[in-house]
Protein backbone atom coordinates (compact mmCIF):
# COMPACT_ATOMS: atom_id res chain seq x y z
CA MET A 1 -32.01 -36.15 48.95
CA LEU A 2 -35.51 -37.36 49.43
CA ALA A 3 -36.64 -34.11 50.87
CA GLY A 4 -34.65 -31.86 48.60
CA THR A 5 -35.32 -30.33 45.26
CA ALA A 6 -36.83 -32.51 42.54
CA GLY A 7 -37.31 -31.75 38.91
CA CYS A 8 -35.90 -29.74 36.18
CA ARG A 9 -34.94 -32.63 33.76
CA ASP A 10 -36.67 -31.94 30.46
CA ASN A 11 -35.93 -31.45 26.73
CA ARG A 12 -36.36 -27.93 25.48
CA ARG A 13 -35.51 -28.55 21.82
CA SER A 14 -38.02 -27.15 19.36
CA ALA A 15 -39.06 -29.70 16.74
CA GLY A 16 -38.74 -27.05 13.99
CA GLU A 17 -41.00 -25.56 11.44
CA ALA A 18 -39.83 -27.44 8.34
CA THR A 19 -42.61 -30.10 8.38
CA THR A 20 -45.84 -27.94 8.33
CA GLY A 21 -48.81 -30.15 7.66
CA ALA A 22 -47.22 -33.40 8.54
CA THR A 23 -49.62 -36.19 9.80
CA LEU A 24 -49.09 -39.37 11.68
CA SER A 25 -51.80 -42.05 11.97
CA ILE A 26 -51.63 -44.50 14.90
CA GLY A 27 -53.37 -47.90 14.88
CA VAL A 28 -54.57 -49.13 18.31
CA ALA A 29 -55.85 -52.56 18.51
CA GLN A 30 -59.07 -53.33 20.46
CA ILE A 31 -58.09 -52.95 24.17
CA ALA A 32 -60.68 -55.42 25.41
CA ALA A 33 -63.77 -57.32 24.32
CA ASP A 34 -65.77 -54.80 26.32
CA LYS A 35 -66.48 -51.84 23.98
CA GLN A 36 -66.46 -49.24 26.87
CA ALA A 37 -63.09 -50.57 27.88
CA THR A 38 -61.88 -50.04 24.34
CA THR A 39 -63.31 -46.59 24.16
CA ASN A 40 -61.58 -45.63 27.41
CA GLY A 41 -58.34 -47.24 26.21
CA LEU A 42 -58.29 -45.20 23.00
CA GLN A 43 -58.97 -42.06 24.97
CA THR A 44 -55.98 -43.07 27.33
CA VAL A 45 -53.64 -43.17 24.23
CA ALA A 46 -54.70 -39.63 23.32
CA ASN A 47 -54.45 -38.34 26.84
CA ASN A 48 -50.71 -39.34 27.03
CA GLN A 49 -50.06 -36.51 24.52
CA THR A 50 -52.70 -33.99 25.52
CA VAL A 51 -52.75 -34.15 29.33
CA GLU A 52 -49.43 -33.72 31.25
CA GLN A 53 -48.52 -34.49 34.78
CA LEU A 54 -47.77 -32.04 37.55
CA MET A 55 -44.45 -33.84 38.05
CA ARG A 56 -43.18 -36.90 35.86
CA ILE A 57 -41.76 -39.92 37.61
CA GLY A 58 -38.61 -41.40 36.17
CA ARG A 59 -38.02 -45.14 35.68
CA ASP A 60 -35.76 -44.80 38.82
CA GLY A 61 -38.68 -43.66 40.92
CA ARG A 62 -37.38 -40.09 41.20
CA PRO A 63 -39.54 -37.14 40.38
CA MET A 64 -38.81 -34.92 37.38
CA ALA A 65 -40.05 -31.70 36.01
CA GLY A 66 -43.45 -31.62 34.40
CA VAL A 67 -46.01 -28.73 34.51
CA ALA A 68 -44.17 -27.96 37.69
CA GLU A 69 -40.50 -27.11 37.31
CA SER A 70 -39.55 -28.33 40.90
CA ALA A 71 -40.58 -29.51 44.31
CA PHE A 72 -38.71 -28.80 47.50
CA MET A 73 -39.16 -28.89 51.32
CA ALA A 74 -40.82 -25.93 52.88
CA PRO A 75 -39.18 -23.99 55.80
CA ASP A 76 -41.18 -26.12 58.33
CA GLY A 77 -39.25 -29.17 57.31
CA ARG A 78 -42.41 -31.16 56.82
CA SER A 79 -44.38 -29.69 53.96
CA LEU A 80 -43.68 -29.59 50.26
CA ARG A 81 -43.49 -26.44 48.02
CA ILE A 82 -44.23 -26.91 44.45
CA ARG A 83 -42.99 -24.32 41.96
CA LEU A 84 -44.71 -23.97 38.55
CA ARG A 85 -43.16 -23.24 35.21
CA PRO A 86 -43.81 -19.87 33.91
CA ASN A 87 -46.15 -19.20 30.84
CA VAL A 88 -47.80 -22.63 30.73
CA THR A 89 -51.46 -22.45 29.40
CA PHE A 90 -54.23 -24.95 28.86
CA HIS A 91 -55.23 -25.67 25.24
CA ASP A 92 -57.96 -23.03 25.37
CA GLY A 93 -55.42 -20.30 26.42
CA THR A 94 -56.32 -20.28 29.96
CA PRO A 95 -53.26 -19.64 32.16
CA VAL A 96 -52.06 -22.41 34.56
CA THR A 97 -52.07 -20.60 37.90
CA SER A 98 -51.14 -21.74 41.40
CA ALA A 99 -54.82 -21.45 42.38
CA ILE A 100 -55.90 -23.81 39.59
CA ILE A 101 -53.07 -26.27 40.44
CA ALA A 102 -54.14 -26.18 44.20
CA GLN A 103 -57.69 -27.11 43.05
CA ILE A 104 -56.34 -29.98 40.93
CA ILE A 105 -54.21 -31.33 43.80
CA GLN A 106 -57.08 -31.26 46.12
CA ALA A 107 -59.20 -33.26 43.70
CA LYS A 108 -56.70 -35.78 42.61
CA LEU A 109 -53.86 -36.22 45.19
CA LEU A 110 -55.65 -38.32 47.67
CA THR A 111 -56.51 -40.94 45.12
CA ALA A 112 -52.98 -40.97 43.79
CA MET A 113 -51.48 -41.47 47.20
CA GLY A 114 -54.08 -44.17 48.05
CA SER A 115 -54.09 -45.08 51.79
CA ALA A 116 -51.01 -43.04 52.39
CA SER A 117 -53.07 -39.94 51.73
CA GLU A 118 -53.87 -39.54 55.39
CA ASP A 119 -50.42 -37.91 55.76
CA VAL A 120 -51.76 -34.88 53.86
CA ALA A 121 -53.29 -32.13 55.94
CA SER A 122 -54.06 -29.33 53.58
CA VAL A 123 -53.14 -27.57 50.32
CA ARG A 124 -52.54 -23.82 50.12
CA VAL A 125 -51.52 -21.22 47.44
CA VAL A 126 -48.22 -19.59 48.63
CA SER A 127 -47.65 -17.22 45.68
CA ASP A 128 -48.56 -16.71 42.00
CA ASN A 129 -46.36 -19.62 41.09
CA GLU A 130 -46.00 -21.71 44.21
CA VAL A 131 -48.31 -24.23 45.93
CA GLU A 132 -47.63 -25.88 49.33
CA ILE A 133 -48.89 -29.14 50.49
CA VAL A 134 -48.94 -29.36 54.28
CA GLN A 135 -48.13 -32.81 55.72
CA ARG A 136 -49.06 -34.16 59.13
CA ARG A 137 -45.85 -36.07 58.90
CA TRP A 138 -43.10 -35.98 56.31
CA SER A 139 -43.46 -38.80 53.70
CA PRO A 140 -41.54 -39.26 50.42
CA PHE A 141 -44.70 -40.89 49.19
CA LEU A 142 -46.06 -37.33 48.48
CA LEU A 143 -43.33 -36.62 46.02
CA GLU A 144 -43.87 -40.05 44.38
CA SER A 145 -47.54 -39.28 43.91
CA LEU A 146 -47.17 -35.91 42.11
CA ASP A 147 -47.76 -37.47 38.55
CA ILE A 148 -51.33 -36.38 38.74
CA ASP A 149 -52.86 -35.23 35.55
CA VAL A 150 -53.22 -31.51 35.01
CA GLU A 151 -56.55 -31.01 33.32
CA LYS A 152 -58.58 -27.80 33.45
CA PRO A 153 -61.19 -28.12 36.15
CA GLY A 154 -64.60 -28.87 34.69
CA ALA A 155 -63.14 -29.55 31.30
CA PRO A 156 -61.87 -33.15 31.08
CA GLY A 157 -59.23 -33.68 28.37
CA VAL A 158 -58.31 -30.03 28.23
CA GLY A 159 -54.60 -30.14 29.18
CA THR A 160 -51.25 -28.47 28.59
CA GLY A 161 -49.62 -31.05 26.33
CA PRO A 162 -48.08 -30.65 22.85
CA PHE A 163 -51.39 -31.81 21.17
CA SER A 164 -55.14 -31.27 21.73
CA ALA A 165 -57.69 -33.96 20.98
CA THR A 166 -61.15 -34.22 19.60
CA ARG A 167 -63.18 -37.30 18.80
CA VAL A 168 -63.99 -37.90 15.27
CA GLY A 169 -66.37 -40.91 14.92
CA ASP A 170 -64.59 -44.00 16.34
CA ASN A 171 -61.23 -42.22 16.08
CA ILE A 172 -59.44 -39.49 17.95
CA GLU A 173 -57.80 -36.57 16.12
CA MET A 174 -55.02 -34.67 17.77
CA LYS A 175 -53.74 -31.24 16.57
CA ALA A 176 -50.47 -29.68 17.29
CA ASN A 177 -50.48 -27.08 20.22
CA ASP A 178 -48.44 -24.37 18.42
CA GLY A 179 -48.26 -22.41 21.81
CA TYR A 180 -46.75 -25.35 23.64
CA TYR A 181 -44.11 -23.96 26.18
CA LEU A 182 -41.34 -26.45 25.11
CA GLY A 183 -41.79 -25.58 21.38
CA ALA A 184 -44.46 -26.38 18.79
CA PRO A 185 -44.60 -30.05 17.60
CA ALA A 186 -43.19 -30.81 14.09
CA LEU A 187 -46.30 -32.99 13.48
CA LYS A 188 -49.40 -30.91 12.89
CA ARG A 189 -51.95 -33.68 13.16
CA VAL A 190 -52.01 -37.19 14.79
CA VAL A 191 -54.95 -39.58 14.02
CA VAL A 192 -55.58 -42.44 16.54
CA ARG A 193 -57.54 -45.16 14.99
CA SER A 194 -59.26 -48.20 16.61
CA TYR A 195 -58.77 -51.66 15.18
CA PRO A 196 -60.79 -54.79 16.17
CA THR A 197 -57.58 -56.88 16.32
CA VAL A 198 -53.80 -56.50 16.39
CA ARG A 199 -53.46 -58.42 13.25
CA GLY A 200 -55.61 -55.98 11.40
CA ALA A 201 -53.73 -53.05 12.57
CA TRP A 202 -50.21 -54.52 11.71
CA ALA A 203 -51.54 -55.59 8.35
CA ASP A 204 -52.48 -51.94 7.54
CA LEU A 205 -49.00 -50.87 8.84
CA LEU A 206 -47.39 -53.14 6.33
CA ARG A 207 -49.66 -51.81 3.60
CA GLY A 208 -48.81 -48.27 4.42
CA GLN A 209 -52.35 -47.40 5.46
CA VAL A 210 -51.37 -46.62 9.08
CA ASP A 211 -47.93 -45.08 10.11
CA MET A 212 -47.69 -46.41 13.60
CA LEU A 213 -48.76 -49.54 15.56
CA TYR A 214 -49.37 -48.52 19.24
CA GLU A 215 -48.61 -51.95 20.52
CA VAL A 216 -47.24 -54.75 18.57
CA GLY A 217 -48.60 -58.14 19.44
CA LEU A 218 -45.66 -60.14 20.63
CA ASP A 219 -46.64 -62.89 18.03
CA ALA A 220 -46.27 -60.32 15.31
CA ILE A 221 -42.83 -59.11 15.92
CA ASP A 222 -41.15 -61.57 13.56
CA SER A 223 -43.43 -60.56 10.71
CA LEU A 224 -42.71 -56.87 11.21
CA GLN A 225 -38.88 -57.38 11.65
CA ALA A 226 -38.75 -58.79 8.17
CA SER A 227 -40.20 -55.53 6.65
CA SER A 228 -37.71 -52.92 5.57
CA GLN A 229 -40.54 -50.23 5.89
CA VAL A 230 -40.91 -50.60 9.60
CA ALA A 231 -38.72 -49.94 12.58
CA LEU A 232 -39.45 -51.58 16.01
CA TYR A 233 -38.94 -49.93 19.39
CA THR A 234 -38.83 -51.99 22.51
CA PHE A 235 -38.95 -50.53 26.10
CA PRO A 236 -39.38 -52.13 29.61
CA ARG A 237 -42.69 -51.61 31.39
CA THR A 238 -43.31 -50.68 35.03
CA TYR A 239 -45.96 -53.43 35.09
CA SER A 240 -45.24 -56.97 36.52
CA TYR A 241 -47.01 -60.17 35.77
CA VAL A 242 -48.03 -61.66 39.11
CA ILE A 243 -50.43 -64.24 40.34
CA VAL A 244 -52.03 -62.80 43.50
CA LEU A 245 -53.10 -65.42 45.99
CA ASN A 246 -56.18 -64.97 47.88
CA ALA A 247 -54.96 -65.03 51.61
CA ARG A 248 -58.59 -65.50 52.81
CA ASN A 249 -58.39 -69.11 51.32
CA PRO A 250 -56.97 -71.55 53.80
CA LYS A 251 -55.22 -73.22 50.93
CA PHE A 252 -52.64 -70.48 50.98
CA ALA A 253 -52.18 -70.11 54.66
CA SER A 254 -48.82 -71.81 54.63
CA ARG A 255 -46.01 -69.42 54.11
CA GLU A 256 -43.80 -72.34 53.12
CA LEU A 257 -46.23 -73.29 50.45
CA ARG A 258 -46.25 -69.80 48.88
CA GLN A 259 -42.39 -69.84 48.96
CA ALA A 260 -42.46 -73.19 47.14
CA LEU A 261 -44.80 -71.92 44.43
CA ASN A 262 -42.32 -69.15 43.67
CA SER A 263 -39.47 -71.78 43.60
CA ALA A 264 -41.55 -73.83 41.14
CA ILE A 265 -41.34 -71.04 38.50
CA ASP A 266 -38.58 -70.91 35.76
CA ARG A 267 -38.93 -67.25 34.96
CA SER A 268 -36.54 -67.40 32.00
CA ALA A 269 -38.45 -70.25 30.37
CA LEU A 270 -41.74 -68.45 31.21
CA ILE A 271 -40.55 -65.34 29.42
CA GLU A 272 -39.44 -67.34 26.31
CA GLN A 273 -42.58 -69.47 26.19
CA GLY A 274 -45.24 -67.26 27.53
CA LEU A 275 -44.02 -63.72 26.46
CA TYR A 276 -42.14 -64.69 23.26
CA GLY A 277 -38.83 -63.73 24.82
CA HIS A 278 -39.93 -60.17 25.73
CA GLY A 279 -39.59 -59.43 29.42
CA LYS A 280 -37.25 -59.60 32.47
CA PRO A 281 -37.57 -62.02 35.46
CA ALA A 282 -39.60 -60.67 38.37
CA ASP A 283 -37.62 -62.48 40.94
CA GLY A 284 -38.76 -60.03 43.72
CA PRO A 285 -41.13 -57.14 44.34
CA VAL A 286 -38.72 -54.29 43.76
CA PHE A 287 -38.42 -52.66 40.32
CA PRO A 288 -34.82 -53.37 39.11
CA SER A 289 -34.42 -49.82 37.72
CA HIS A 290 -35.49 -48.28 41.13
CA TRP A 291 -32.75 -46.13 42.56
CA ALA A 292 -32.62 -47.98 45.75
CA PHE A 293 -32.43 -51.50 44.13
CA ARG A 294 -29.02 -53.24 44.28
CA PRO A 295 -27.86 -56.23 42.24
CA THR A 296 -26.91 -57.90 45.55
CA PHE A 297 -30.54 -58.01 46.65
CA PRO A 298 -31.81 -61.42 47.51
CA ARG A 299 -34.16 -62.97 45.02
CA PHE A 300 -36.51 -65.82 44.29
CA THR A 301 -34.60 -68.66 42.71
CA SER A 302 -36.06 -71.52 40.71
CA ASP A 303 -35.73 -74.95 42.20
CA PRO A 304 -38.61 -77.19 40.93
CA ALA A 305 -37.24 -80.29 42.74
CA ALA A 306 -37.33 -78.62 46.13
CA ALA A 307 -40.74 -77.13 45.39
CA SER A 308 -42.21 -80.49 44.50
CA LYS A 309 -40.96 -82.00 47.95
CA ARG A 310 -42.39 -79.10 49.83
CA ILE A 311 -45.94 -79.01 48.07
CA GLY A 312 -46.16 -82.78 47.95
CA GLY A 313 -48.97 -82.91 45.33
CA ARG A 314 -51.46 -81.65 47.81
CA LEU A 315 -52.57 -78.25 46.07
CA SER A 316 -55.31 -77.56 43.56
CA PHE A 317 -56.69 -74.15 42.82
CA THR A 318 -58.17 -72.04 39.95
CA CYS A 319 -56.48 -68.91 38.53
CA ILE A 320 -58.61 -66.29 36.77
CA PHE A 321 -57.59 -63.67 34.33
CA SER A 322 -59.16 -60.97 32.13
CA GLU A 323 -59.70 -62.22 28.66
CA GLY A 324 -56.82 -61.88 26.30
CA ALA A 325 -54.63 -64.07 24.31
CA LEU A 326 -51.37 -62.98 26.04
CA PHE A 327 -52.79 -63.48 29.54
CA GLU A 328 -53.97 -66.92 28.47
CA ARG A 329 -50.55 -67.78 27.13
CA VAL A 330 -48.83 -66.68 30.31
CA ALA A 331 -51.40 -68.64 32.46
CA LEU A 332 -51.00 -71.79 30.42
CA THR A 333 -47.22 -71.65 30.69
CA VAL A 334 -47.34 -71.25 34.56
CA GLN A 335 -49.94 -74.11 34.58
CA LYS A 336 -47.58 -76.34 32.94
CA GLN A 337 -44.62 -75.44 35.20
CA LEU A 338 -46.68 -75.93 38.30
CA ALA A 339 -47.97 -79.26 37.15
CA ALA A 340 -44.51 -80.37 36.89
CA VAL A 341 -44.25 -80.05 40.77
CA GLY A 342 -47.65 -81.60 41.47
CA VAL A 343 -49.85 -78.48 41.46
CA ASP A 344 -53.16 -78.50 39.73
CA MET A 345 -53.80 -74.92 38.72
CA GLN A 346 -56.92 -74.58 36.55
CA VAL A 347 -57.08 -71.43 34.36
CA GLN A 348 -60.14 -69.46 33.62
CA ALA A 349 -60.53 -66.43 31.23
CA VAL A 350 -63.18 -63.99 32.58
CA PRO A 351 -64.93 -61.18 30.71
CA TYR A 352 -63.48 -57.78 31.63
CA ARG A 353 -66.41 -56.39 33.66
CA GLU A 354 -66.96 -59.63 35.52
CA PHE A 355 -63.24 -59.82 36.19
CA VAL A 356 -63.29 -56.40 37.83
CA THR A 357 -66.33 -57.19 39.96
CA ARG A 358 -65.07 -60.53 41.23
CA VAL A 359 -61.65 -59.28 42.10
CA THR A 360 -62.12 -55.82 43.39
CA GLN A 361 -65.59 -56.07 44.99
CA LYS A 362 -66.41 -59.67 45.81
CA HIS A 363 -62.88 -61.12 46.29
CA ASP A 364 -64.21 -64.27 44.49
CA PHE A 365 -61.13 -66.00 43.36
CA ASP A 366 -58.58 -68.44 44.54
CA ALA A 367 -55.74 -66.76 42.55
CA VAL A 368 -55.68 -64.05 39.96
CA LEU A 369 -53.26 -63.23 37.12
CA PHE A 370 -52.48 -59.49 36.84
CA ASP A 371 -50.38 -57.23 34.69
CA ALA A 372 -49.92 -55.03 37.77
CA LEU A 373 -48.72 -51.46 37.84
CA VAL A 374 -46.41 -52.00 40.89
CA ALA A 375 -43.52 -49.60 39.83
CA PRO A 376 -41.47 -47.51 39.51
CA THR A 377 -42.40 -46.02 42.97
CA MET A 378 -42.34 -47.58 46.32
CA ASN A 379 -45.78 -45.98 46.89
CA ARG A 380 -47.14 -48.24 44.26
CA ALA A 381 -45.60 -51.25 45.82
CA TYR A 382 -47.10 -50.14 49.07
CA GLN A 383 -50.64 -50.04 47.63
CA TRP A 384 -50.30 -53.58 46.49
CA TRP A 385 -48.59 -55.39 49.27
CA HIS A 386 -49.26 -53.49 52.45
CA SER A 387 -52.12 -54.87 54.50
CA GLY A 388 -53.80 -51.35 54.29
CA GLY A 389 -53.04 -50.93 50.53
CA ALA A 390 -55.72 -49.85 48.10
CA PHE A 391 -54.80 -52.70 45.66
CA ASN A 392 -54.39 -55.49 48.29
CA PHE A 393 -57.13 -57.42 46.66
CA GLY A 394 -55.85 -60.77 48.09
CA GLY A 395 -56.24 -59.61 51.73
CA PHE A 396 -52.66 -60.28 52.40
CA SER A 397 -51.00 -59.26 55.81
CA SER A 398 -47.57 -59.55 57.00
CA ALA A 399 -46.18 -57.69 60.08
CA LYS A 400 -42.70 -57.70 58.53
CA VAL A 401 -43.85 -56.51 55.15
CA ASP A 402 -45.96 -53.72 56.73
CA ALA A 403 -43.20 -52.55 58.95
CA SER A 404 -40.68 -52.36 56.12
CA LEU A 405 -43.02 -50.41 53.82
CA GLU A 406 -43.92 -48.04 56.74
CA THR A 407 -40.22 -47.33 57.18
CA VAL A 408 -40.01 -46.43 53.48
CA ARG A 409 -43.14 -44.32 53.83
CA TYR A 410 -41.51 -42.03 56.51
CA ALA A 411 -37.89 -42.27 55.62
CA THR A 412 -36.35 -38.82 55.77
CA ASN A 413 -33.17 -39.58 53.90
CA ASP A 414 -31.96 -41.93 51.10
CA ALA A 415 -29.91 -44.14 53.27
CA ASP A 416 -32.93 -45.02 55.53
CA TYR A 417 -35.15 -45.32 52.55
CA ALA A 418 -32.77 -47.75 50.69
CA ALA A 419 -32.25 -49.86 53.86
CA ALA A 420 -36.01 -50.26 54.23
CA VAL A 421 -36.38 -51.19 50.59
CA LEU A 422 -33.92 -54.01 51.05
CA ASP A 423 -35.94 -55.03 54.23
CA PHE A 424 -39.00 -55.00 52.01
CA GLN A 425 -37.52 -57.28 49.48
CA ARG A 426 -36.41 -59.80 52.22
CA ALA A 427 -39.86 -59.71 53.81
CA ILE A 428 -41.62 -60.58 50.63
CA LEU A 429 -39.31 -63.39 49.86
CA ASP A 430 -39.87 -64.80 53.24
CA ASP A 431 -43.71 -64.33 53.20
CA PRO A 432 -44.91 -63.92 49.55
CA PRO A 433 -48.39 -62.83 48.75
CA ALA A 434 -48.12 -63.73 45.18
CA VAL A 435 -46.24 -65.75 42.54
CA PHE A 436 -43.96 -63.34 40.95
CA LEU A 437 -43.36 -63.89 37.22
CA ALA A 438 -41.91 -61.23 34.92
CA TRP A 439 -41.59 -57.57 34.21
CA GLY A 440 -43.15 -56.89 30.85
CA GLU A 441 -41.96 -55.17 27.75
CA ARG A 442 -43.87 -53.18 25.04
CA VAL A 443 -42.98 -52.96 21.40
CA ARG A 444 -44.18 -50.12 19.17
CA ALA A 445 -43.81 -49.94 15.30
CA VAL A 446 -43.33 -47.00 13.21
CA ASN A 447 -42.98 -46.52 9.43
CA ARG A 448 -39.38 -45.59 8.51
CA ARG A 449 -40.79 -42.50 6.69
CA PHE A 450 -40.67 -40.82 10.26
CA ASP A 451 -37.65 -39.72 12.05
CA VAL A 452 -38.28 -40.98 15.55
CA GLN A 453 -36.40 -39.45 18.53
CA ALA A 454 -35.68 -42.61 20.53
CA GLU A 455 -34.14 -42.64 23.86
CA PRO A 456 -32.75 -45.90 25.43
CA GLY A 457 -35.07 -47.40 27.89
CA ARG A 458 -37.95 -44.94 27.34
CA ASP A 459 -41.08 -45.05 25.43
CA ILE A 460 -40.72 -43.33 22.16
CA LEU A 461 -44.09 -41.66 22.56
CA THR A 462 -42.55 -39.46 25.20
CA THR A 463 -40.80 -37.61 22.41
CA LEU A 464 -43.71 -37.64 19.85
CA ARG A 465 -43.58 -33.77 19.70
CA LEU A 466 -40.11 -33.93 18.23
CA TRP A 467 -40.95 -36.55 15.44
CA LYS A 468 -40.90 -35.41 11.88
CA PRO A 469 -40.82 -36.97 8.44
CA ALA A 470 -37.58 -38.49 7.54
CA ALA A 471 -35.12 -36.13 5.59
CA ASP A 472 -35.99 -37.79 2.19
CA GLN A 473 -39.67 -37.56 2.64
CA HIS A 474 -41.73 -34.62 1.30
CA ALA A 475 -45.01 -35.78 2.99
CA ALA A 476 -45.72 -37.89 5.89
CA ASN A 477 -48.77 -39.58 4.48
CA ARG A 478 -51.90 -39.02 2.58
CA ASN A 479 -54.48 -38.94 5.40
């Protein structure tokens, strides 16, 4: 049930003690041309192992146990009780208490919920291990927003995860948290190294100078697949490539024209040509792994001939994107497909900081290509496509879309929630705010000297604490 107990799925296996001293080095290619963005990106990589969430969100959009072991409806039928795991401490030994968690929730929940945060009235400590979030009106979006980072107040980066981190020059070094509540990691040290290019990182991987490539450039996959020393791990992302149309521009006022733009896209060809075959068609706004999604949902279909007739060669606009080779490749592939139906879409790469300013502050664009975090929860979809959403940068507004998302927001049972998700899918197909392209995939590469605990459909880094040198290895590396 939406309002019932959530959580308690986790992996309590200890990684064992046979690998004392094992070290893993991770190569991370430059995140962006902007140095500050790269520095922040490197820290984000480390935070994934050092800072945990209050609750984790599964690929199906359901909450799972995190630092909290469960969440359930309070006796008033409106508020949410969060029960903490016992014996969880921060890296400095400070116990994680309900009072600290209440403080963290008050500081971070409103941002996490976005415009839906108005449903939250207050946060209070109920007992030594329970916190209650009082709602003005019950909303499942609260549960969907509990993946907030648990960091010690006043001490950024001090979390509860299996590793703790310190910066060493341009790199980040992580050490095992031997007191981790789910068991000490087998790896005792992880070094996260920054590389100026993806090519430089994977060259060092092939030379054995780095053990893992955080993200494999899609153009490098063939080279790495040929290596007997490297294993590749692919997993689907909750990000979607979309071209958001600026609804403030009269060019995009016609609902029929926006429908036609979506009909012009051959998503399978786009994935092959623009994403090197790595992705899934985004033929609608709902994440295909979400629990409410059904294969029978209506979807955008490719019909370039019909699109050409509806557009009639009368549309010209510019699509901007943040600098990056893959964004450019996707944009050029879309440009070619739209040109075939008489649309003149010019493409323009924009430096990262200028991109952020133009899109989020000035709204200075015709269209913008995003790799958008719109899943797995419906609250994320709400923030992008509702007229009052925090990420509705295109200024889109549709009464039907808003109504469907409001129904999801206040659904009190799974049946009503699922019915509203279907209505949302239909409303977006009828009045699209964007050109929906593809759900992305990410590929990681690891030297076969390591025994990687891989789970189908999940990022291998979620099990990093369980990794260890392969049985026939006496030392992980020489770092």
